[in-house]
Protein backbone atom coordinates (compact mmCIF):
# COMPACT_ATOMS: atom_id res chain seq x y z
CA MET A 1 -18.35 -0.54 2.08
CA ALA A 2 -16.06 -1.63 -0.76
CA LEU A 3 -12.80 0.20 -1.05
CA GLU A 4 -11.53 1.47 -4.38
CA LYS A 5 -8.65 -0.64 -5.65
CA PHE A 6 -5.16 0.17 -6.90
CA HIS A 7 -3.96 -2.21 -9.60
CA TYR A 8 -0.24 -2.62 -10.22
CA THR A 9 1.72 -4.92 -12.47
CA THR A 10 5.42 -5.38 -11.77
CA PRO A 11 7.99 -5.54 -14.57
CA ALA A 12 7.97 -9.33 -14.02
CA GLY A 13 4.22 -9.41 -14.71
CA VAL A 14 3.12 -9.91 -11.10
CA LYS A 15 -0.30 -8.33 -10.55
CA VAL A 16 -0.91 -6.75 -7.15
CA ILE A 17 -4.26 -5.29 -6.08
CA LEU A 18 -4.50 -3.11 -2.97
CA PRO A 19 -7.00 -0.60 -1.63
CA LYS A 20 -6.27 2.89 -2.95
CA PHE A 21 -3.90 4.56 -0.50
CA ALA A 22 -6.22 7.54 -0.01
CA SER A 23 -9.09 5.22 0.94
CA LEU A 24 -7.27 3.28 3.67
CA PRO A 25 -9.44 2.83 6.76
CA PHE A 26 -8.79 5.43 9.44
CA GLY A 27 -8.33 2.70 12.05
CA VAL A 28 -5.37 1.27 10.15
CA MET A 29 -3.71 4.66 9.86
CA ARG A 30 -4.45 5.40 13.53
CA LYS A 31 -2.70 2.18 14.59
CA VAL A 32 0.50 3.05 12.69
CA ARG A 33 0.59 6.79 13.35
CA LYS A 34 3.55 6.63 15.75
CA GLU A 35 5.57 4.11 13.75
CA GLY A 36 8.38 4.96 11.37
CA GLU A 37 7.64 4.98 7.65
CA ALA A 38 9.05 1.49 6.99
CA GLU A 39 7.19 -0.12 9.92
CA SER A 40 4.01 1.69 8.92
CA MET A 41 4.18 0.35 5.38
CA PHE A 42 4.73 -3.23 6.60
CA ALA A 43 1.80 -2.95 9.00
CA ILE A 44 -0.51 -1.45 6.37
CA ILE A 45 0.38 -4.11 3.80
CA GLU A 46 0.01 -6.96 6.31
CA GLU A 47 -3.37 -5.60 7.45
CA LEU A 48 -4.88 -4.97 4.02
CA ALA A 49 -3.32 -7.23 1.42
CA ASP A 50 -4.97 -10.55 0.80
CA PRO A 51 -2.84 -13.70 1.25
CA LYS A 52 -2.27 -14.07 -2.49
CA ALA A 53 -1.02 -10.48 -2.78
CA LEU A 54 1.26 -10.98 0.24
CA GLU A 55 2.69 -14.09 -1.39
CA GLN A 56 3.47 -12.08 -4.54
CA LEU A 57 4.92 -9.17 -2.55
CA ASP A 58 7.23 -11.52 -0.67
CA LYS A 59 8.76 -12.61 -3.99
CA MET A 60 9.54 -9.04 -5.09
CA ASN A 61 12.93 -7.41 -4.58
CA MET A 62 13.35 -4.13 -2.73
CA ILE A 63 13.55 -2.02 -5.90
CA GLU A 64 10.25 -3.49 -7.10
CA ILE A 65 8.67 -2.88 -3.68
CA ARG A 66 9.95 0.71 -3.64
CA ASP A 67 8.46 1.31 -7.09
CA LEU A 68 5.15 -0.29 -6.05
CA PHE A 69 4.86 1.87 -2.94
CA ALA A 70 5.77 5.02 -4.88
CA ALA A 71 3.13 4.26 -7.53
CA TRP A 72 0.56 3.36 -4.84
CA MET A 73 0.95 6.68 -3.05
CA GLU A 74 1.27 8.69 -6.28
CA ASP A 75 -2.01 7.19 -7.49
CA SER A 76 -3.77 8.90 -4.58
CA LYS A 77 -1.49 11.96 -4.44
CA VAL A 78 -0.73 11.30 -0.75
CA THR A 79 2.14 10.00 1.34
CA LEU A 80 2.31 8.61 4.86
CA GLY A 81 1.34 11.33 7.32
CA GLU A 82 -0.65 13.34 4.79
CA SER A 83 -4.30 13.33 3.96
CA LYS A 84 -5.94 14.36 0.73
CA ALA A 85 -7.77 17.68 0.98
CA SER A 86 -11.42 17.59 -0.01
């Protein structure tokens, strides 16, 4: 099953493609359920981002990463620990 994708371009023009936050596999969320928010985000990104996306993410500063994560969750109208009502 193909996951829907979230497309994001940083102010520096770096394009990052991730699965939509609301469509993350349950198994990934289950694995990080007891972690803090920061550790959960690292684990999710490391599990789901392809190597090219990880390379781009590693070059971003913390403000850019914060903005990316905020846009990623806003796109699906969810945050860590919440699920989208059907």
